Amino acid sequence: VAEHPMLVELGKRTGVPLVGVNYKDQ
């Protein structure tokens, strides 16, 4: 939760594709 804004920022600033792997979740 604390990290997520940094991922959003990373995508906006760099334009690189982000791939998410959701681990053992509902």
PDB file of all heavy atoms in Angstrom:
ATOM      1  N   VAL A   1       0.836  -1.193   0.000  1.00  0.00           N
ATOM      2  CA  VAL A   1       0.000   0.000   0.000  1.00  0.00           C
ATOM      3  C   VAL A   1       0.873   1.246   0.000  1.00  0.00           C
ATOM      4  O   VAL A   1       0.641   2.194  -0.752  1.00  0.00           O
ATOM      5  CB  VAL A   1      -0.942  -0.001   1.221  1.00  0.00           C
ATOM      6  CG1 VAL A   1      -1.751   1.292   1.275  1.00  0.00           C
ATOM      7  CG2 VAL A   1      -1.865  -1.215   1.193  1.00  0.00           C
ATOM      8  N   ALA A   2       1.914   1.237   0.849  1.00  0.00           N
ATOM      9  CA  ALA A   2       2.826   2.385   0.933  1.00  0.00           C
ATOM     10  C   ALA A   2       3.628   2.550  -0.354  1.00  0.00           C
ATOM     11  O   ALA A   2       3.949   3.675  -0.757  1.00  0.00           O
ATOM     12  CB  ALA A   2       3.766   2.206   2.126  1.00  0.00           C
ATOM     13  N   GLU A   3       3.936   1.455  -1.006  1.00  0.00           N
ATOM     14  CA  GLU A   3       4.757   1.498  -2.209  1.00  0.00           C
ATOM     15  C   GLU A   3       3.986   1.944  -3.443  1.00  0.00           C
ATOM     16  O   GLU A   3       4.559   2.567  -4.358  1.00  0.00           O
ATOM     17  CB  GLU A   3       5.340   0.105  -2.475  1.00  0.00           C
ATOM     18  CG  GLU A   3       6.096  -0.007  -3.796  1.00  0.00           C
ATOM     19  CD  GLU A   3       6.455  -1.434  -4.153  1.00  0.00           C
ATOM     20  OE1 GLU A   3       5.539  -2.262  -4.349  1.00  0.00           O
ATOM     21  OE2 GLU A   3       7.667  -1.708  -4.227  1.00  0.00           O
ATOM     22  N   HIS A   4       2.706   1.663  -3.493  1.00  0.00           N
ATOM     23  CA  HIS A   4       1.953   1.794  -4.740  1.00  0.00           C
ATOM     24  C   HIS A   4       2.043   3.174  -5.389  1.00  0.00           C
ATOM     25  O   HIS A   4       2.187   3.264  -6.621  1.00  0.00           O
ATOM     26  CB  HIS A   4       0.488   1.398  -4.520  1.00  0.00           C
ATOM     27  CG  HIS A   4      -0.188   0.944  -5.767  1.00  0.00           C
ATOM     28  ND1 HIS A   4       0.082  -0.270  -6.368  1.00  0.00           N
ATOM     29  CD2 HIS A   4      -1.113   1.559  -6.549  1.00  0.00           C
ATOM     30  CE1 HIS A   4      -0.648  -0.405  -7.450  1.00  0.00           C
ATOM     31  NE2 HIS A   4      -1.390   0.698  -7.594  1.00  0.00           N
ATOM     32  N   PRO A   5       1.958   4.267  -4.643  1.00  0.00           N
ATOM     33  CA  PRO A   5       2.102   5.581  -5.294  1.00  0.00           C
ATOM     34  C   PRO A   5       3.434   5.732  -6.026  1.00  0.00           C
ATOM     35  O   PRO A   5       3.506   6.446  -7.030  1.00  0.00           O
ATOM     36  CB  PRO A   5       1.990   6.566  -4.126  1.00  0.00           C
ATOM     37  CG  PRO A   5       1.219   5.836  -3.085  1.00  0.00           C
ATOM     38  CD  PRO A   5       1.641   4.411  -3.207  1.00  0.00           C
ATOM     39  N   MET A   6       4.483   5.053  -5.545  1.00  0.00           N
ATOM     40  CA  MET A   6       5.773   5.129  -6.221  1.00  0.00           C
ATOM     41  C   MET A   6       5.744   4.391  -7.557  1.00  0.00           C
ATOM     42  O   MET A   6       6.392   4.810  -8.524  1.00  0.00           O
ATOM     43  CB  MET A   6       6.866   4.536  -5.325  1.00  0.00           C
ATOM     44  CG  MET A   6       7.086   5.286  -4.011  1.00  0.00           C
ATOM     45  SD  MET A   6       7.638   6.989  -4.249  1.00  0.00           S
ATOM     46  CE  MET A   6       6.091   7.894  -3.971  1.00  0.00           C
ATOM     47  N   LEU A   7       4.972   3.320  -7.631  1.00  0.00           N
ATOM     48  CA  LEU A   7       4.835   2.612  -8.907  1.00  0.00           C
ATOM     49  C   LEU A   7       4.064   3.465  -9.912  1.00  0.00           C
ATOM     50  O   LEU A   7       4.427   3.521 -11.100  1.00  0.00           O
ATOM     51  CB  LEU A   7       4.118   1.277  -8.690  1.00  0.00           C
ATOM     52  CG  LEU A   7       4.839   0.237  -7.840  1.00  0.00           C
ATOM     53  CD1 LEU A   7       3.953  -0.985  -7.639  1.00  0.00           C
ATOM     54  CD2 LEU A   7       6.159  -0.166  -8.464  1.00  0.00           C
ATOM     55  N   VAL A   8       3.015   4.116  -9.429  1.00  0.00           N
ATOM     56  CA  VAL A   8       2.256   5.018 -10.304  1.00  0.00           C
ATOM     57  C   VAL A   8       3.167   6.136 -10.805  1.00  0.00           C
ATOM     58  O   VAL A   8       3.167   6.477 -11.994  1.00  0.00           O
ATOM     59  CB  VAL A   8       1.040   5.595  -9.553  1.00  0.00           C
ATOM     60  CG1 VAL A   8       0.327   6.631 -10.417  1.00  0.00           C
ATOM     61  CG2 VAL A   8       0.074   4.473  -9.150  1.00  0.00           C
ATOM     62  N   GLU A   9       3.964   6.694  -9.907  1.00  0.00           N
ATOM     63  CA  GLU A   9       4.903   7.753 -10.269  1.00  0.00           C
ATOM     64  C   GLU A   9       5.956   7.246 -11.254  1.00  0.00           C
ATOM     65  O   GLU A   9       6.317   7.942 -12.213  1.00  0.00           O
ATOM     66  CB  GLU A   9       5.576   8.299  -9.005  1.00  0.00           C
ATOM     67  CG  GLU A   9       6.580   9.409  -9.236  1.00  0.00           C
ATOM     68  CD  GLU A   9       5.927  10.726  -9.627  1.00  0.00           C
ATOM     69  OE1 GLU A   9       4.684  10.831  -9.535  1.00  0.00           O
ATOM     70  OE2 GLU A   9       6.662  11.640 -10.032  1.00  0.00           O
ATOM     71  N   LEU A  10       6.442   6.044 -11.023  1.00  0.00           N
ATOM     72  CA  LEU A  10       7.447   5.452 -11.910  1.00  0.00           C
ATOM     73  C   LEU A  10       6.913   5.326 -13.331  1.00  0.00           C
ATOM     74  O   LEU A  10       7.594   5.655 -14.311  1.00  0.00           O
ATOM     75  CB  LEU A  10       7.855   4.079 -11.376  1.00  0.00           C
ATOM     76  CG  LEU A  10       8.855   3.266 -12.213  1.00  0.00           C
ATOM     77  CD1 LEU A  10      10.191   3.997 -12.309  1.00  0.00           C
ATOM     78  CD2 LEU A  10       9.047   1.873 -11.612  1.00  0.00           C
ATOM     79  N   GLY A  11       5.682   4.847 -13.450  1.00  0.00           N
ATOM     80  CA  GLY A  11       5.083   4.704 -14.774  1.00  0.00           C
ATOM     81  C   GLY A  11       4.893   6.040 -15.468  1.00  0.00           C
ATOM     82  O   GLY A  11       5.151   6.177 -16.669  1.00  0.00           O
ATOM     83  N   LYS A  12       4.455   7.048 -14.721  1.00  0.00           N
ATOM     84  CA  LYS A  12       4.220   8.368 -15.302  1.00  0.00           C
ATOM     85  C   LYS A  12       5.520   9.027 -15.745  1.00  0.00           C
ATOM     86  O   LYS A  12       5.589   9.638 -16.813  1.00  0.00           O
ATOM     87  CB  LYS A  12       3.515   9.265 -14.285  1.00  0.00           C
ATOM     88  CG  LYS A  12       2.058   8.920 -14.039  1.00  0.00           C
ATOM     89  CD  LYS A  12       1.446   9.866 -13.022  1.00  0.00           C
ATOM     90  CE  LYS A  12      -0.024   9.565 -12.778  1.00  0.00           C
ATOM     91  NZ  LYS A  12      -0.614  10.476 -11.766  1.00  0.00           N
ATOM     92  N   ARG A  13       6.565   8.889 -14.932  1.00  0.00           N
ATOM     93  CA  ARG A  13       7.809   9.601 -15.215  1.00  0.00           C
ATOM     94  C   ARG A  13       8.646   8.948 -16.308  1.00  0.00           C
ATOM     95  O   ARG A  13       9.396   9.623 -17.010  1.00  0.00           O
ATOM     96  CB  ARG A  13       8.641   9.719 -13.930  1.00  0.00           C
ATOM     97  CG  ARG A  13       8.072  10.703 -12.936  1.00  0.00           C
ATOM     98  CD  ARG A  13       8.883  10.757 -11.662  1.00  0.00           C
ATOM     99  NE  ARG A  13      10.270  11.144 -11.882  1.00  0.00           N
ATOM    100  CZ  ARG A  13      11.158  11.318 -10.897  1.00  0.00           C
ATOM    101  NH1 ARG A  13      10.785  11.153  -9.644  1.00  0.00           N
ATOM    102  NH2 ARG A  13      12.395  11.670 -11.180  1.00  0.00           N
ATOM    103  N   THR A  14       8.535   7.646 -16.442  1.00  0.00           N
ATOM    104  CA  THR A  14       9.422   6.940 -17.376  1.00  0.00           C
ATOM    105  C   THR A  14       8.711   6.426 -18.615  1.00  0.00           C
ATOM    106  O   THR A  14       9.335   6.253 -19.665  1.00  0.00           O
ATOM    107  CB  THR A  14      10.102   5.751 -16.685  1.00  0.00           C
ATOM    108  OG1 THR A  14       9.109   4.780 -16.329  1.00  0.00           O
ATOM    109  CG2 THR A  14      10.840   6.199 -15.424  1.00  0.00           C
ATOM    110  N   GLY A  15       7.433   6.146 -18.499  1.00  0.00           N
ATOM    111  CA  GLY A  15       6.691   5.591 -19.624  1.00  0.00           C
ATOM    112  C   GLY A  15       6.988   4.131 -19.908  1.00  0.00           C
ATOM    113  O   GLY A  15       6.493   3.571 -20.889  1.00  0.00           O
ATOM    114  N   VAL A  16       7.782   3.481 -19.036  1.00  0.00           N
ATOM    115  CA  VAL A  16       8.091   2.068 -19.273  1.00  0.00           C
ATOM    116  C   VAL A  16       6.888   1.212 -18.889  1.00  0.00           C
ATOM    117  O   VAL A  16       6.124   1.554 -17.983  1.00  0.00           O
ATOM    118  CB  VAL A  16       9.331   1.611 -18.463  1.00  0.00           C
ATOM    119  CG1 VAL A  16      10.554   2.417 -18.858  1.00  0.00           C
ATOM    120  CG2 VAL A  16       9.074   1.720 -16.970  1.00  0.00           C
ATOM    121  N   PRO A  17       6.664   0.094 -19.577  1.00  0.00           N
ATOM    122  CA  PRO A  17       5.560  -0.795 -19.205  1.00  0.00           C
ATOM    123  C   PRO A  17       5.795  -1.412 -17.823  1.00  0.00           C
ATOM    124  O   PRO A  17       6.908  -1.839 -17.507  1.00  0.00           O
ATOM    125  CB  PRO A  17       5.597  -1.869 -20.295  1.00  0.00           C
ATOM    126  CG  PRO A  17       6.407  -1.286 -21.413  1.00  0.00           C
ATOM    127  CD  PRO A  17       7.390  -0.373 -20.772  1.00  0.00           C
ATOM    128  N   LEU A  18       4.751  -1.448 -17.021  1.00  0.00           N
ATOM    129  CA  LEU A  18       4.780  -2.104 -15.717  1.00  0.00           C
ATOM    130  C   LEU A  18       3.899  -3.350 -15.772  1.00  0.00           C
ATOM    131  O   LEU A  18       2.761  -3.298 -16.259  1.00  0.00           O
ATOM    132  CB  LEU A  18       4.287  -1.175 -14.610  1.00  0.00           C
ATOM    133  CG  LEU A  18       5.315  -0.267 -13.930  1.00  0.00           C
ATOM    134  CD1 LEU A  18       5.883   0.755 -14.906  1.00  0.00           C
ATOM    135  CD2 LEU A  18       4.696   0.438 -12.734  1.00  0.00           C
ATOM    136  N   VAL A  19       4.443  -4.454 -15.280  1.00  0.00           N
ATOM    137  CA  VAL A  19       3.720  -5.722 -15.238  1.00  0.00           C
ATOM    138  C   VAL A  19       3.538  -6.100 -13.770  1.00  0.00           C
ATOM    139  O   VAL A  19       4.509  -6.139 -13.003  1.00  0.00           O
ATOM    140  CB  VAL A  19       4.501  -6.829 -15.981  1.00  0.00           C
ATOM    141  CG1 VAL A  19       3.799  -8.177 -15.825  1.00  0.00           C
ATOM    142  CG2 VAL A  19       4.664  -6.464 -17.450  1.00  0.00           C
ATOM    143  N   GLY A  20       2.304  -6.367 -13.373  1.00  0.00           N
ATOM    144  CA  GLY A  20       2.026  -6.711 -11.977  1.00  0.00           C
ATOM    145  C   GLY A  20       1.742  -8.190 -11.806  1.00  0.00           C
ATOM    146  O   GLY A  20       1.033  -8.795 -12.619  1.00  0.00           O
ATOM    147  N   VAL A  21       2.309  -8.768 -10.753  1.00  0.00           N
ATOM    148  CA  VAL A  21       2.028 -10.160 -10.410  1.00  0.00           C
ATOM    149  C   VAL A  21       1.370 -10.160  -9.037  1.00  0.00           C
ATOM    150  O   VAL A  21       2.017  -9.842  -8.029  1.00  0.00           O
ATOM    151  CB  VAL A  21       3.301 -11.027 -10.398  1.00  0.00           C
ATOM    152  CG1 VAL A  21       2.934 -12.482 -10.112  1.00  0.00           C
ATOM    153  CG2 VAL A  21       4.049 -10.920 -11.719  1.00  0.00           C
ATOM    154  N   ASN A  22       0.094 -10.496  -9.007  1.00  0.00           N
ATOM    155  CA  ASN A  22      -0.676 -10.510  -7.768  1.00  0.00           C
ATOM    156  C   ASN A  22      -0.482 -11.858  -7.075  1.00  0.00           C
ATOM    157  O   ASN A  22      -0.852 -12.902  -7.613  1.00  0.00           O
ATOM    158  CB  ASN A  22      -2.151 -10.255  -8.077  1.00  0.00           C
ATOM    159  CG  ASN A  22      -3.006 -10.199  -6.830  1.00  0.00           C
ATOM    160  OD1 ASN A  22      -3.946 -10.971  -6.689  1.00  0.00           O
ATOM    161  ND2 ASN A  22      -2.711  -9.299  -5.928  1.00  0.00           N
ATOM    162  N   TYR A  23       0.085 -11.832  -5.867  1.00  0.00           N
ATOM    163  CA  TYR A  23       0.568 -13.051  -5.210  1.00  0.00           C
ATOM    164  C   TYR A  23      -0.435 -13.592  -4.187  1.00  0.00           C
ATOM    165  O   TYR A  23      -0.776 -12.911  -3.216  1.00  0.00           O
ATOM    166  CB  TYR A  23       1.898 -12.746  -4.533  1.00  0.00           C
ATOM    167  CG  TYR A  23       2.510 -13.892  -3.766  1.00  0.00           C
ATOM    168  CD1 TYR A  23       3.157 -14.938  -4.421  1.00  0.00           C
ATOM    169  CD2 TYR A  23       2.449 -13.927  -2.371  1.00  0.00           C
ATOM    170  CE1 TYR A  23       3.728 -15.980  -3.714  1.00  0.00           C
ATOM    171  CE2 TYR A  23       3.022 -14.971  -1.660  1.00  0.00           C
ATOM    172  CZ  TYR A  23       3.666 -15.987  -2.329  1.00  0.00           C
ATOM    173  OH  TYR A  23       4.234 -17.025  -1.630  1.00  0.00           O
ATOM    174  N   LYS A  24      -0.924 -14.807  -4.424  1.00  0.00           N
ATOM    175  CA  LYS A  24      -1.765 -15.543  -3.465  1.00  0.00           C
ATOM    176  C   LYS A  24      -2.827 -14.640  -2.837  1.00  0.00           C
ATOM    177  O   LYS A  24      -2.902 -14.487  -1.615  1.00  0.00           O
ATOM    178  CB  LYS A  24      -0.894 -16.186  -2.374  1.00  0.00           C
ATOM    179  CG  LYS A  24      -0.025 -17.322  -2.888  1.00  0.00           C
ATOM    180  CD  LYS A  24       0.697 -18.040  -1.748  1.00  0.00           C
ATOM    181  CE  LYS A  24       1.497 -19.224  -2.262  1.00  0.00           C
ATOM    182  NZ  LYS A  24       2.173 -19.962  -1.187  1.00  0.00           N
ATOM    183  N   ASP A  25      -3.646 -14.072  -3.690  1.00  0.00           N
ATOM    184  CA  ASP A  25      -4.624 -13.084  -3.249  1.00  0.00           C
ATOM    185  C   ASP A  25      -6.021 -13.496  -3.688  1.00  0.00           C
ATOM    186  O   ASP A  25      -6.183 -14.377  -4.548  1.00  0.00           O
ATOM    187  CB  ASP A  25      -4.253 -11.724  -3.869  1.00  0.00           C
ATOM    188  CG  ASP A  25      -4.708 -10.545  -3.033  1.00  0.00           C
ATOM    189  OD1 ASP A  25      -5.509 -10.738  -2.098  1.00  0.00           O
ATOM    190  OD2 ASP A  25      -4.261  -9.423  -3.321  1.00  0.00           O
ATOM    191  N   GLN A  26      -7.025 -12.868  -3.105  1.00  0.00           N
ATOM    192  CA  GLN A  26      -8.395 -13.025  -3.572  1.00  0.00           C
ATOM    193  C   GLN A  26      -8.631 -12.020  -4.696  1.00  0.00           C
ATOM    194  O   GLN A  26      -8.275 -10.843  -4.567  1.00  0.00           O
ATOM    195  CB  GLN A  26      -9.372 -12.772  -2.426  1.00  0.00           C
ATOM    196  CG  GLN A  26      -9.260 -13.757  -1.279  1.00  0.00           C
ATOM    197  CD  GLN A  26      -9.666 -15.161  -1.683  1.00  0.00           C
ATOM    198  OE1 GLN A  26     -10.581 -15.345  -2.497  1.00  0.00           O
ATOM    199  NE2 GLN A  26      -9.010 -16.154  -1.115  1.00  0.00           N
TER     200      GLN A  26
END
